[in-house]
C-alpha atoms as a PDB file:
ATOM      1  CA  UNK A   1       0.040  -0.092   0.012  1.00  0.00           C
ATOM      2  CA  UNK A   2       1.332   3.498  -0.960  1.00  0.00           C
ATOM      3  CA  UNK A   3       1.768   5.952   1.647  1.00  0.00           C
ATOM      4  CA  UNK A   4       0.319   9.554   1.194  1.00  0.00           C
ATOM      5  CA  UNK A   5       3.627  11.142   1.088  1.00  0.00           C
ATOM      6  CA  UNK A   6       5.403   8.638  -1.041  1.00  0.00           C
ATOM      7  CA  UNK A   7       6.617   9.788  -4.556  1.00  0.00           C
ATOM      8  CA  UNK A   8       4.520   6.973  -6.315  1.00  0.00           C
ATOM      9  CA  UNK A   9       1.517   8.219  -4.476  1.00  0.00           C
ATOM     10  CA  UNK A  10       2.181  11.824  -5.698  1.00  0.00           C
ATOM     11  CA  UNK A  11       2.692  10.608  -9.280  1.00  0.00           C
ATOM     12  CA  UNK A  12      -0.488   8.806  -9.287  1.00  0.00           C
ATOM     13  CA  UNK A  13      -2.212  11.918  -8.105  1.00  0.00           C
ATOM     14  CA  UNK A  14      -0.515  14.048 -10.675  1.00  0.00           C
ATOM     15  CA  UNK A  15      -1.431  11.593 -13.574  1.00  0.00           C
ATOM     16  CA  UNK A  16      -5.141  11.527 -12.424  1.00  0.00           C
ATOM     17  CA  UNK A  17      -5.029  15.431 -12.507  1.00  0.00           C
ATOM     18  CA  UNK A  18      -3.498  16.204 -15.735  1.00  0.00           C
ATOM     19  CA  UNK A  19      -6.186  14.873 -18.141  1.00  0.00           C
ATOM     20  CA  UNK A  20      -8.717  17.190 -16.453  1.00  0.00           C
ATOM     21  CA  UNK A  21      -6.220  20.117 -16.659  1.00  0.00           C
ATOM     22  CA  UNK A  22      -5.618  19.629 -20.340  1.00  0.00           C
ATOM     23  CA  UNK A  23      -9.331  19.118 -21.064  1.00  0.00           C
ATOM     24  CA  UNK A  24     -10.033  22.495 -19.568  1.00  0.00           C
ATOM     25  CA  UNK A  25      -7.538  24.329 -21.841  1.00  0.00           C
ATOM     26  CA  UNK A  26      -8.573  22.575 -24.740  1.00  0.00           C
ATOM     27  CA  UNK A  27      -5.863  20.278 -25.608  1.00  0.00           C
ATOM     28  CA  UNK A  28      -5.084  16.523 -24.517  1.00  0.00           C
ATOM     29  CA  UNK A  29      -1.584  14.729 -24.787  1.00  0.00           C
ATOM     30  CA  UNK A  30      -1.504  12.492 -27.909  1.00  0.00           C
ATOM     31  CA  UNK A  31      -1.130   9.415 -25.760  1.00  0.00           C
ATOM     32  CA  UNK A  32      -3.973  10.341 -23.446  1.00  0.00           C
ATOM     33  CA  UNK A  33      -6.155  11.003 -26.528  1.00  0.00           C
ATOM     34  CA  UNK A  34      -5.254   7.670 -28.114  1.00  0.00           C
ATOM     35  CA  UNK A  35      -6.040   5.714 -24.899  1.00  0.00           C
ATOM     36  CA  UNK A  36      -9.268   7.618 -24.165  1.00  0.00           C
ATOM     37  CA  UNK A  37     -10.924   6.650 -27.346  1.00  0.00           C
ATOM     38  CA  UNK A  38     -12.552   3.453 -25.751  1.00  0.00           C
ATOM     39  CA  UNK A  39     -13.436   5.022 -22.433  1.00  0.00           C
ATOM     40  CA  UNK A  40     -16.393   6.962 -21.170  1.00  0.00           C
ATOM     41  CA  UNK A  41     -16.370  10.785 -21.800  1.00  0.00           C
ATOM     42  CA  UNK A  42     -14.614  12.732 -19.365  1.00  0.00           C
ATOM     43  CA  UNK A  43     -16.404  13.859 -16.291  1.00  0.00           C
ATOM     44  CA  UNK A  44     -15.457  17.572 -16.958  1.00  0.00           C
ATOM     45  CA  UNK A  45     -18.691  19.393 -17.929  1.00  0.00           C
ATOM     46  CA  UNK A  46     -18.697  20.816 -21.538  1.00  0.00           C
ATOM     47  CA  UNK A  47     -19.064  24.613 -21.516  1.00  0.00           C
ATOM     48  CA  UNK A  48     -21.949  26.178 -23.601  1.00  0.00           C
ATOM     49  CA  UNK A  49     -19.591  27.291 -26.477  1.00  0.00           C
ATOM     50  CA  UNK A  50     -18.454  23.591 -26.926  1.00  0.00           C
ATOM     51  CA  UNK A  51     -22.090  22.422 -26.907  1.00  0.00           C
ATOM     52  CA  UNK A  52     -23.191  24.871 -29.566  1.00  0.00           C
ATOM     53  CA  UNK A  53     -20.011  24.379 -31.786  1.00  0.00           C
ATOM     54  CA  UNK A  54     -20.872  20.543 -31.694  1.00  0.00           C
ATOM     55  CA  UNK A  55     -24.265  21.230 -32.882  1.00  0.00           C
ATOM     56  CA  UNK A  56     -22.767  23.235 -35.710  1.00  0.00           C
ATOM     57  CA  UNK A  57     -20.142  20.547 -36.621  1.00  0.00           C
ATOM     58  CA  UNK A  58     -22.971  17.849 -36.396  1.00  0.00           C
ATOM     59  CA  UNK A  59     -25.296  19.895 -38.783  1.00  0.00           C
ATOM     60  CA  UNK A  60     -28.039  19.761 -36.300  1.00  0.00           C
ATOM     61  CA  UNK A  61     -30.946  22.226 -36.304  1.00  0.00           C
ATOM     62  CA  UNK A  62     -31.018  25.889 -37.424  1.00  0.00           C
ATOM     63  CA  UNK A  63     -27.586  27.121 -38.016  1.00  0.00           C
ATOM     64  CA  UNK A  64     -28.520  30.895 -37.886  1.00  0.00           C
ATOM     65  CA  UNK A  65     -30.178  30.315 -34.614  1.00  0.00           C
ATOM     66  CA  UNK A  66     -27.077  28.238 -33.342  1.00  0.00           C
ATOM     67  CA  UNK A  67     -24.964  31.290 -34.221  1.00  0.00           C
ATOM     68  CA  UNK A  68     -27.152  33.666 -32.435  1.00  0.00           C
ATOM     69  CA  UNK A  69     -27.052  31.589 -29.327  1.00  0.00           C
ATOM     70  CA  UNK A  70     -23.367  31.356 -29.654  1.00  0.00           C
ATOM     71  CA  UNK A  71     -22.897  35.159 -30.081  1.00  0.00           C
ATOM     72  CA  UNK A  72     -24.946  35.636 -26.949  1.00  0.00           C
ATOM     73  CA  UNK A  73     -22.751  33.284 -24.792  1.00  0.00           C
ATOM     74  CA  UNK A  74     -19.611  34.834 -26.337  1.00  0.00           C
ATOM     75  CA  UNK A  75     -20.600  38.329 -25.158  1.00  0.00           C
ATOM     76  CA  UNK A  76     -21.158  37.138 -21.578  1.00  0.00           C
ATOM     77  CA  UNK A  77     -18.521  38.926 -19.207  1.00  0.00           C
ATOM     78  CA  UNK A  78     -16.910  35.573 -18.076  1.00  0.00           C
ATOM     79  CA  UNK A  79     -16.932  33.754 -21.208  1.00  0.00           C
ATOM     80  CA  UNK A  80     -13.439  33.020 -22.364  1.00  0.00           C
ATOM     81  CA  UNK A  81     -13.373  29.697 -24.339  1.00  0.00           C
ATOM     82  CA  UNK A  82      -9.897  27.993 -24.480  1.00  0.00           C
ATOM     83  CA  UNK A  83      -7.771  28.336 -27.549  1.00  0.00           C
ATOM     84  CA  UNK A  84      -8.509  24.732 -28.735  1.00  0.00           C
ATOM     85  CA  UNK A  85     -12.164  25.373 -28.932  1.00  0.00           C
ATOM     86  CA  UNK A  86     -11.647  28.886 -30.500  1.00  0.00           C
ATOM     87  CA  UNK A  87      -9.551  27.283 -33.245  1.00  0.00           C
ATOM     88  CA  UNK A  88     -12.326  24.725 -33.971  1.00  0.00           C
ATOM     89  CA  UNK A  89     -14.876  27.490 -33.808  1.00  0.00           C
ATOM     90  CA  UNK A  90     -12.960  29.590 -36.388  1.00  0.00           C
ATOM     91  CA  UNK A  91     -12.634  26.691 -38.717  1.00  0.00           C
ATOM     92  CA  UNK A  92     -16.475  26.027 -38.510  1.00  0.00           C
ATOM     93  CA  UNK A  93     -17.476  29.578 -38.829  1.00  0.00           C
ATOM     94  CA  UNK A  94     -15.158  30.469 -41.708  1.00  0.00           C
ATOM     95  CA  UNK A  95     -16.770  27.619 -43.996  1.00  0.00           C
ATOM     96  CA  UNK A  96     -20.153  29.547 -43.682  1.00  0.00           C
ATOM     97  CA  UNK A  97     -18.539  33.037 -43.911  1.00  0.00           C
ATOM     98  CA  UNK A  98     -16.638  32.411 -47.150  1.00  0.00           C
ATOM     99  CA  UNK A  99     -18.752  29.937 -49.023  1.00  0.00           C
ATOM    100  CA  UNK A 100     -19.179  30.843 -52.572  1.00  0.00           C
ATOM    101  CA  UNK A 101     -22.882  29.461 -52.758  1.00  0.00           C
ATOM    102  CA  UNK A 102     -25.248  27.293 -50.848  1.00  0.00           C
ATOM    103  CA  UNK A 103     -25.203  29.408 -47.554  1.00  0.00           C
ATOM    104  CA  UNK A 104     -28.131  31.774 -46.743  1.00  0.00           C
ATOM    105  CA  UNK A 105     -26.993  35.383 -46.213  1.00  0.00           C
ATOM    106  CA  UNK A 106     -28.750  35.228 -42.876  1.00  0.00           C
ATOM    107  CA  UNK A 107     -26.435  32.458 -41.664  1.00  0.00           C
ATOM    108  CA  UNK A 108     -23.464  34.217 -43.054  1.00  0.00           C
ATOM    109  CA  UNK A 109     -24.463  37.463 -41.332  1.00  0.00           C
ATOM    110  CA  UNK A 110     -24.911  35.394 -38.015  1.00  0.00           C
ATOM    111  CA  UNK A 111     -21.507  33.892 -38.447  1.00  0.00           C
ATOM    112  CA  UNK A 112     -19.927  37.403 -38.837  1.00  0.00           C
ATOM    113  CA  UNK A 113     -21.652  38.370 -35.670  1.00  0.00           C
ATOM    114  CA  UNK A 114     -19.946  35.406 -33.833  1.00  0.00           C
ATOM    115  CA  UNK A 115     -16.694  36.442 -34.965  1.00  0.00           C
ATOM    116  CA  UNK A 116     -17.266  40.033 -33.749  1.00  0.00           C
ATOM    117  CA  UNK A 117     -18.257  38.654 -30.346  1.00  0.00           C
ATOM    118  CA  UNK A 118     -15.310  36.250 -30.221  1.00  0.00           C
ATOM    119  CA  UNK A 119     -12.923  39.137 -30.784  1.00  0.00           C
ATOM    120  CA  UNK A 120     -13.797  40.568 -27.447  1.00  0.00           C
ATOM    121  CA  UNK A 121     -11.581  37.718 -25.985  1.00  0.00           C
ATOM    122  CA  UNK A 122      -9.306  36.534 -28.673  1.00  0.00           C
ATOM    123  CA  UNK A 123      -9.088  39.561 -31.162  1.00  0.00           C
ATOM    124  CA  UNK A 124      -5.640  38.718 -32.620  1.00  0.00           C
ATOM    125  CA  UNK A 125      -6.868  35.057 -33.669  1.00  0.00           C
ATOM    126  CA  UNK A 126     -10.102  36.471 -35.263  1.00  0.00           C
ATOM    127  CA  UNK A 127      -7.981  39.213 -37.080  1.00  0.00           C
ATOM    128  CA  UNK A 128      -5.399  36.657 -38.261  1.00  0.00           C
ATOM    129  CA  UNK A 129      -8.260  34.354 -39.520  1.00  0.00           C
ATOM    130  CA  UNK A 130     -10.021  37.319 -41.538  1.00  0.00           C
ATOM    131  CA  UNK A 131      -6.517  38.393 -43.043  1.00  0.00           C
ATOM    132  CA  UNK A 132      -6.061  34.921 -44.275  1.00  0.00           C
ATOM    133  CA  UNK A 133      -9.342  35.093 -45.956  1.00  0.00           C
ATOM    134  CA  UNK A 134      -8.580  38.389 -47.749  1.00  0.00           C
ATOM    135  CA  UNK A 135      -5.386  37.058 -49.181  1.00  0.00           C
ATOM    136  CA  UNK A 136      -6.695  33.607 -50.196  1.00  0.00           C
ATOM    137  CA  UNK A 137      -7.297  32.788 -53.876  1.00  0.00           C
ATOM    138  CA  UNK A 138      -9.902  30.442 -55.494  1.00  0.00           C
ATOM    139  CA  UNK A 139     -13.729  29.997 -55.170  1.00  0.00           C
ATOM    140  CA  UNK A 140     -14.344  31.945 -52.005  1.00  0.00           C
ATOM    141  CA  UNK A 141     -16.639  34.749 -51.092  1.00  0.00           C
ATOM    142  CA  UNK A 142     -15.138  37.813 -49.463  1.00  0.00           C
ATOM    143  CA  UNK A 143     -18.025  39.998 -49.051  1.00  0.00           C
ATOM    144  CA  UNK A 144     -18.729  38.937 -45.364  1.00  0.00           C
ATOM    145  CA  UNK A 145     -15.151  38.932 -44.603  1.00  0.00           C
ATOM    146  CA  UNK A 146     -15.089  42.537 -45.517  1.00  0.00           C
ATOM    147  CA  UNK A 147     -18.350  43.192 -43.619  1.00  0.00           C
ATOM    148  CA  UNK A 148     -16.753  41.607 -40.521  1.00  0.00           C
ATOM    149  CA  UNK A 149     -13.874  43.753 -40.799  1.00  0.00           C
ATOM    150  CA  UNK A 150     -16.119  46.829 -40.872  1.00  0.00           C
ATOM    151  CA  UNK A 151     -17.994  45.668 -37.814  1.00  0.00           C
ATOM    152  CA  UNK A 152     -14.704  44.944 -35.940  1.00  0.00           C
ATOM    153  CA  UNK A 153     -13.557  48.449 -36.463  1.00  0.00           C
ATOM    154  CA  UNK A 154     -16.772  49.897 -35.247  1.00  0.00           C
ATOM    155  CA  UNK A 155     -16.634  47.639 -32.018  1.00  0.00           C
ATOM    156  CA  UNK A 156     -12.888  47.412 -31.409  1.00  0.00           C
ATOM    157  CA  UNK A 157     -11.168  50.526 -33.124  1.00  0.00           C
ATOM    158  CA  UNK A 158      -8.178  50.790 -30.872  1.00  0.00           C
ATOM    159  CA  UNK A 159      -7.194  47.159 -31.195  1.00  0.00           C
ATOM    160  CA  UNK A 160      -7.660  47.385 -35.038  1.00  0.00           C
ATOM    161  CA  UNK A 161      -5.372  50.250 -35.450  1.00  0.00           C
ATOM    162  CA  UNK A 162      -2.372  48.019 -34.709  1.00  0.00           C
ATOM    163  CA  UNK A 163      -3.411  45.580 -37.536  1.00  0.00           C
ATOM    164  CA  UNK A 164      -3.681  48.313 -40.197  1.00  0.00           C
ATOM    165  CA  UNK A 165      -0.576  47.473 -42.208  1.00  0.00           C
ATOM    166  CA  UNK A 166      -2.006  43.760 -42.295  1.00  0.00           C
ATOM    167  CA  UNK A 167      -5.264  44.872 -43.408  1.00  0.00           C
ATOM    168  CA  UNK A 168      -3.858  46.965 -46.235  1.00  0.00           C
ATOM    169  CA  UNK A 169      -1.849  44.167 -47.689  1.00  0.00           C
ATOM    170  CA  UNK A 170      -4.881  41.875 -47.604  1.00  0.00           C
ATOM    171  CA  UNK A 171      -6.955  44.326 -49.517  1.00  0.00           C
ATOM    172  CA  UNK A 172      -4.513  44.529 -52.350  1.00  0.00           C
ATOM    173  CA  UNK A 173      -5.551  41.094 -53.260  1.00  0.00           C
ATOM    174  CA  UNK A 174      -9.297  41.923 -53.302  1.00  0.00           C
ATOM    175  CA  UNK A 175      -8.626  45.049 -55.481  1.00  0.00           C
ATOM    176  CA  UNK A 176      -6.758  42.885 -57.769  1.00  0.00           C
ATOM    177  CA  UNK A 177      -9.897  40.638 -58.745  1.00  0.00           C
ATOM    178  CA  UNK A 178     -12.878  42.841 -58.198  1.00  0.00           C
ATOM    179  CA  UNK A 179     -14.121  44.982 -61.006  1.00  0.00           C
ATOM    180  CA  UNK A 180     -17.200  46.427 -59.772  1.00  0.00           C
ATOM    181  CA  UNK A 181     -20.507  45.866 -57.818  1.00  0.00           C
ATOM    182  CA  UNK A 182     -21.484  45.411 -54.134  1.00  0.00           C
ATOM    183  CA  UNK A 183     -18.276  43.909 -53.099  1.00  0.00           C
ATOM    184  CA  UNK A 184     -16.216  46.828 -54.595  1.00  0.00           C
ATOM    185  CA  UNK A 185     -18.202  49.095 -52.810  1.00  0.00           C
ATOM    186  CA  UNK A 186     -18.027  47.515 -49.491  1.00  0.00           C
ATOM    187  CA  UNK A 187     -14.089  47.180 -50.013  1.00  0.00           C
ATOM    188  CA  UNK A 188     -14.091  50.980 -50.493  1.00  0.00           C
ATOM    189  CA  UNK A 189     -16.168  51.576 -47.388  1.00  0.00           C
ATOM    190  CA  UNK A 190     -13.684  49.363 -45.280  1.00  0.00           C
ATOM    191  CA  UNK A 191     -10.737  51.264 -46.782  1.00  0.00           C
ATOM    192  CA  UNK A 192     -12.383  54.866 -45.825  1.00  0.00           C
ATOM    193  CA  UNK A 193     -13.584  53.577 -42.366  1.00  0.00           C
ATOM    194  CA  UNK A 194     -10.230  52.201 -41.443  1.00  0.00           C
ATOM    195  CA  UNK A 195      -8.188  54.984 -42.800  1.00  0.00           C
ATOM    196  CA  UNK A 196     -10.387  57.803 -41.342  1.00  0.00           C
ATOM    197  CA  UNK A 197      -9.594  56.280 -37.904  1.00  0.00           C
ATOM    198  CA  UNK A 198      -5.863  56.156 -38.680  1.00  0.00           C
ATOM    199  CA  UNK A 199      -5.947  59.758 -39.910  1.00  0.00           C
ATOM    200  CA  UNK A 200      -7.900  60.869 -36.610  1.00  0.00           C
ATOM    201  CA  UNK A 201      -5.399  59.070 -34.514  1.00  0.00           C
ATOM    202  CA  UNK A 202      -2.423  60.606 -36.528  1.00  0.00           C
ATOM    203  CA  UNK A 203      -3.889  64.114 -36.057  1.00  0.00           C
ATOM    204  CA  UNK A 204      -4.838  63.671 -32.299  1.00  0.00           C
ATOM    205  CA  UNK A 205      -1.226  63.915 -30.990  1.00  0.00           C
ATOM    206  CA  UNK A 206      -1.454  60.660 -29.105  1.00  0.00           C
ATOM    207  CA  UNK A 207       1.486  58.523 -28.876  1.00  0.00           C
ATOM    208  CA  UNK A 208       1.903  56.352 -31.978  1.00  0.00           C
ATOM    209  CA  UNK A 209       0.968  52.769 -31.571  1.00  0.00           C
ATOM    210  CA  UNK A 210       3.291  51.550 -34.260  1.00  0.00           C
ATOM    211  CA  UNK A 211       7.240  51.214 -34.054  1.00  0.00           C
ATOM    212  CA  UNK A 212       9.099  53.357 -36.550  1.00  0.00           C
ATOM    213  CA  UNK A 213       9.598  50.319 -38.880  1.00  0.00           C
ATOM    214  CA  UNK A 214       5.808  49.334 -38.758  1.00  0.00           C
ATOM    215  CA  UNK A 215       4.713  52.828 -39.454  1.00  0.00           C
ATOM    216  CA  UNK A 216       6.986  52.802 -42.678  1.00  0.00           C
ATOM    217  CA  UNK A 217       5.303  49.543 -43.629  1.00  0.00           C
ATOM    218  CA  UNK A 218       1.966  50.995 -43.147  1.00  0.00           C
ATOM    219  CA  UNK A 219       2.765  53.814 -45.694  1.00  0.00           C
ATOM    220  CA  UNK A 220       4.409  51.500 -48.089  1.00  0.00           C
ATOM    221  CA  UNK A 221       1.366  49.024 -48.066  1.00  0.00           C
ATOM    222  CA  UNK A 222      -0.993  51.951 -48.332  1.00  0.00           C
ATOM    223  CA  UNK A 223       0.977  53.424 -51.216  1.00  0.00           C
ATOM    224  CA  UNK A 224       0.794  50.108 -53.073  1.00  0.00           C
ATOM    225  CA  UNK A 225      -2.936  49.955 -52.262  1.00  0.00           C
ATOM    226  CA  UNK A 226      -3.410  53.455 -53.757  1.00  0.00           C
ATOM    227  CA  UNK A 227      -1.771  52.729 -56.796  1.00  0.00           C
ATOM    228  CA  UNK A 228      -3.438  49.260 -57.304  1.00  0.00           C
ATOM    229  CA  UNK A 229      -7.106  50.975 -56.772  1.00  0.00           C
ATOM    230  CA  UNK A 230      -6.117  53.735 -59.337  1.00  0.00           C
ATOM    231  CA  UNK A 231      -4.846  51.165 -61.804  1.00  0.00           C
ATOM    232  CA  UNK A 232      -7.793  48.740 -61.507  1.00  0.00           C
ATOM    233  CA  UNK A 233     -10.691  50.860 -60.686  1.00  0.00           C
ATOM    234  CA  UNK A 234     -10.395  54.192 -62.365  1.00  0.00           C
ATOM    235  CA  UNK A 235     -12.473  53.015 -65.152  1.00  0.00           C
ATOM    236  CA  UNK A 236     -15.462  51.988 -63.170  1.00  0.00           C
ATOM    237  CA  UNK A 237     -18.762  52.323 -65.333  1.00  0.00           C
ATOM    238  CA  UNK A 238     -21.476  52.509 -62.433  1.00  0.00           C
ATOM    239  CA  UNK A 239     -21.769  55.903 -60.768  1.00  0.00           C
ATOM    240  CA  UNK A 240     -22.249  54.203 -57.390  1.00  0.00           C
ATOM    241  CA  UNK A 241     -18.722  52.314 -57.961  1.00  0.00           C
ATOM    242  CA  UNK A 242     -17.152  55.686 -58.953  1.00  0.00           C
ATOM    243  CA  UNK A 243     -18.393  57.550 -55.932  1.00  0.00           C
ATOM    244  CA  UNK A 244     -17.324  54.645 -53.736  1.00  0.00           C
ATOM    245  CA  UNK A 245     -13.751  54.623 -55.109  1.00  0.00           C
ATOM    246  CA  UNK A 246     -13.387  58.354 -54.991  1.00  0.00           C
ATOM    247  CA  UNK A 247     -14.296  58.194 -51.205  1.00  0.00           C
ATOM    248  CA  UNK A 248     -11.651  55.509 -50.661  1.00  0.00           C
ATOM    249  CA  UNK A 249      -9.021  57.341 -52.844  1.00  0.00           C
ATOM    250  CA  UNK A 250      -9.565  60.501 -50.844  1.00  0.00           C
ATOM    251  CA  UNK A 251      -9.119  58.733 -47.509  1.00  0.00           C
ATOM    252  CA  UNK A 252      -5.971  57.155 -48.788  1.00  0.00           C
ATOM    253  CA  UNK A 253      -4.629  60.451 -50.143  1.00  0.00           C
ATOM    254  CA  UNK A 254      -5.425  62.197 -46.579  1.00  0.00           C
ATOM    255  CA  UNK A 255      -3.179  59.614 -44.806  1.00  0.00           C
ATOM    256  CA  UNK A 256      -0.455  59.604 -47.195  1.00  0.00           C
ATOM    257  CA  UNK A 257      -0.102  63.236 -47.256  1.00  0.00           C
ATOM    258  CA  UNK A 258       0.794  62.973 -43.626  1.00  0.00           C
ATOM    259  CA  UNK A 259       4.191  61.395 -44.760  1.00  0.00           C
ATOM    260  CA  UNK A 260       6.507  64.048 -46.470  1.00  0.00           C
ATOM    261  CA  UNK A 261       7.958  61.287 -48.652  1.00  0.00           C
ATOM    262  CA  UNK A 262       4.648  60.319 -50.178  1.00  0.00           C
ATOM    263  CA  UNK A 263       3.376  63.652 -50.855  1.00  0.00           C
ATOM    264  CA  UNK A 264       4.925  64.353 -54.446  1.00  0.00           C
ATOM    265  CA  UNK A 265       3.522  61.059 -55.730  1.00  0.00           C
ATOM    266  CA  UNK A 266      -0.102  61.733 -54.315  1.00  0.00           C
ATOM    267  CA  UNK A 267      -0.261  65.175 -55.731  1.00  0.00           C
ATOM    268  CA  UNK A 268       0.699  63.649 -59.158  1.00  0.00           C
ATOM    269  CA  UNK A 269      -2.369  61.386 -58.784  1.00  0.00           C
ATOM    270  CA  UNK A 270      -4.808  64.338 -57.747  1.00  0.00           C
ATOM    271  CA  UNK A 271      -6.001  65.094 -61.326  1.00  0.00           C
ATOM    272  CA  UNK A 272      -7.496  61.711 -61.449  1.00  0.00           C
ATOM    273  CA  UNK A 273     -10.274  63.143 -59.577  1.00  0.00           C
ATOM    274  CA  UNK A 274     -10.924  65.346 -62.424  1.00  0.00           C
ATOM    275  CA  UNK A 275      -9.989  63.577 -65.684  1.00  0.00           C
ATOM    276  CA  UNK A 276     -12.763  60.939 -65.749  1.00  0.00           C
ATOM    277  CA  UNK A 277     -15.366  63.557 -65.805  1.00  0.00           C
ATOM    278  CA  UNK A 278     -13.849  66.166 -68.324  1.00  0.00           C
ATOM    279  CA  UNK A 279     -16.251  65.031 -71.093  1.00  0.00           C
ATOM    280  CA  UNK A 280     -19.213  64.205 -69.102  1.00  0.00           C
ATOM    281  CA  UNK A 281     -22.238  66.340 -69.478  1.00  0.00           C
ATOM    282  CA  UNK A 282     -23.328  66.118 -65.801  1.00  0.00           C
ATOM    283  CA  UNK A 283     -21.437  69.093 -64.539  1.00  0.00           C
ATOM    284  CA  UNK A 284     -22.048  68.381 -60.898  1.00  0.00           C
ATOM    285  CA  UNK A 285     -19.600  65.374 -60.966  1.00  0.00           C
ATOM    286  CA  UNK A 286     -16.378  67.175 -60.989  1.00  0.00           C
ATOM    287  CA  UNK A 287     -17.306  69.452 -58.113  1.00  0.00           C
ATOM    288  CA  UNK A 288     -18.622  66.599 -56.203  1.00  0.00           C
ATOM    289  CA  UNK A 289     -15.551  64.509 -56.598  1.00  0.00           C
ATOM    290  CA  UNK A 290     -13.301  67.415 -55.697  1.00  0.00           C
ATOM    291  CA  UNK A 291     -15.547  68.095 -52.626  1.00  0.00           C
ATOM    292  CA  UNK A 292     -15.109  64.519 -51.245  1.00  0.00           C
ATOM    293  CA  UNK A 293     -11.175  65.029 -51.698  1.00  0.00           C
ATOM    294  CA  UNK A 294     -11.210  68.406 -50.100  1.00  0.00           C
ATOM    295  CA  UNK A 295     -13.164  67.284 -47.057  1.00  0.00           C
ATOM    296  CA  UNK A 296     -10.898  64.244 -46.608  1.00  0.00           C
ATOM    297  CA  UNK A 297      -7.980  66.841 -46.646  1.00  0.00           C
ATOM    298  CA  UNK A 298      -9.287  68.670 -43.666  1.00  0.00           C
ATOM    299  CA  UNK A 299      -6.455  68.980 -41.048  1.00  0.00           C
ATOM    300  CA  UNK A 300      -3.807  67.627 -43.272  1.00  0.00           C
ATOM    301  CA  UNK A 301      -0.551  69.589 -42.981  1.00  0.00           C
ATOM    302  CA  UNK A 302       0.215  70.037 -46.714  1.00  0.00           C
ATOM    303  CA  UNK A 303      -0.460  72.822 -49.458  1.00  0.00           C
ATOM    304  CA  UNK A 304      -1.640  72.042 -52.925  1.00  0.00           C
ATOM    305  CA  UNK A 305       1.177  72.709 -55.340  1.00  0.00           C
ATOM    306  CA  UNK A 306       0.442  75.649 -57.496  1.00  0.00           C
ATOM    307  CA  UNK A 307       0.392  73.515 -60.822  1.00  0.00           C
ATOM    308  CA  UNK A 308      -1.991  71.177 -59.448  1.00  0.00           C
ATOM    309  CA  UNK A 309      -4.118  73.993 -58.125  1.00  0.00           C
ATOM    310  CA  UNK A 310      -4.285  75.716 -61.374  1.00  0.00           C
ATOM    311  CA  UNK A 311      -5.167  72.510 -63.055  1.00  0.00           C
ATOM    312  CA  UNK A 312      -8.037  71.789 -60.654  1.00  0.00           C
ATOM    313  CA  UNK A 313      -9.564  75.430 -61.010  1.00  0.00           C
ATOM    314  CA  UNK A 314      -9.296  75.279 -64.758  1.00  0.00           C
ATOM    315  CA  UNK A 315     -11.303  71.881 -64.792  1.00  0.00           C
ATOM    316  CA  UNK A 316     -13.890  73.424 -62.500  1.00  0.00           C
ATOM    317  CA  UNK A 317     -14.117  76.659 -64.730  1.00  0.00           C
ATOM    318  CA  UNK A 318     -14.482  74.470 -67.767  1.00  0.00           C
ATOM    319  CA  UNK A 319     -17.395  72.720 -66.160  1.00  0.00           C
ATOM    320  CA  UNK A 320     -18.950  76.127 -65.189  1.00  0.00           C
ATOM    321  CA  UNK A 321     -18.575  77.472 -68.706  1.00  0.00           C
ATOM    322  CA  UNK A 322     -20.221  74.323 -70.042  1.00  0.00           C
ATOM    323  CA  UNK A 323     -23.220  74.507 -67.869  1.00  0.00           C
ATOM    324  CA  UNK A 324     -23.722  78.198 -67.911  1.00  0.00           C
ATOM    325  CA  UNK A 325     -22.554  79.866 -71.157  1.00  0.00           C
ATOM    326  CA  UNK A 326     -23.490  83.352 -69.756  1.00  0.00           C
ATOM    327  CA  UNK A 327     -20.571  82.847 -67.194  1.00  0.00           C
ATOM    328  CA  UNK A 328     -17.970  82.630 -70.042  1.00  0.00           C
ATOM    329  CA  UNK A 329     -16.990  86.308 -69.727  1.00  0.00           C
ATOM    330  CA  UNK A 330     -16.577  86.054 -65.991  1.00  0.00           C
ATOM    331  CA  UNK A 331     -14.201  82.980 -66.462  1.00  0.00           C
ATOM    332  CA  UNK A 332     -12.023  83.474 -69.468  1.00  0.00           C
ATOM    333  CA  UNK A 333      -9.846  80.593 -69.997  1.00  0.00           C
ATOM    334  CA  UNK A 334      -7.985  81.870 -72.977  1.00  0.00           C
END
């Protein structure tokens, strides 16, 4: 018989304690996992997140309802599922979130809400999952990935700021294959939302959350995204798409102009806001596009170069002359 203080007795106690400990943190040693296959389930009670996840994995019941219940549980103050459960949950949710077809929008929206709720306790894991989807190629829908990024910024703006450079790199892949429509407009809205937050942070005088090397990476990734957007989306046909792109471009310019090394290149692209409308009969479009740009520039410590200013005013006067012939004497362009 083993004595209470003997080493063998202590070892037995430790061996009986470890399986329960590993189960609580969501991981079980390989050997223990193999031996447990033929046994009765562990007496450790399963948490609500695990039970709901099992329902989703077993394809039982209404998936949208299961996601709504899961979101509610994850938003509770004391809810913090272990990493092993979180990884399984991310894999399950991602299948619905990125499904190219066969999944109703109500289910995908509910899955998106689960990720936002999960980010309360596991923000970095959720953001890494979304970044992976942005960069992924193949048959995959990115609409709800973008919508989730927008909701994340609404709920967790301070945490999102630290991931800006990654988000910009991921969005370049989206710009590369989207040519118009709803996804283009959502992507533009995400760019505008995140960069307006960055601009507010830069202009607030608060301590910069990025190391020097990382902030240079942000400007580099943003400059690359800026050029990609101009190259791929400047010939949009739908007016809704054009206005969305203008808003995104103006937001990018407003941040890039904060960095002196980027200013010359940004000003070179300014006339892009005017040229697409030079021959269009709707005279409001030029002034509307310039208004979007000038509003975005509020608070930017930079002066428009004289040659760019003259080009802009000439373009506006050209439109005024075309709309109001009686104003030609007031605005001679000869």
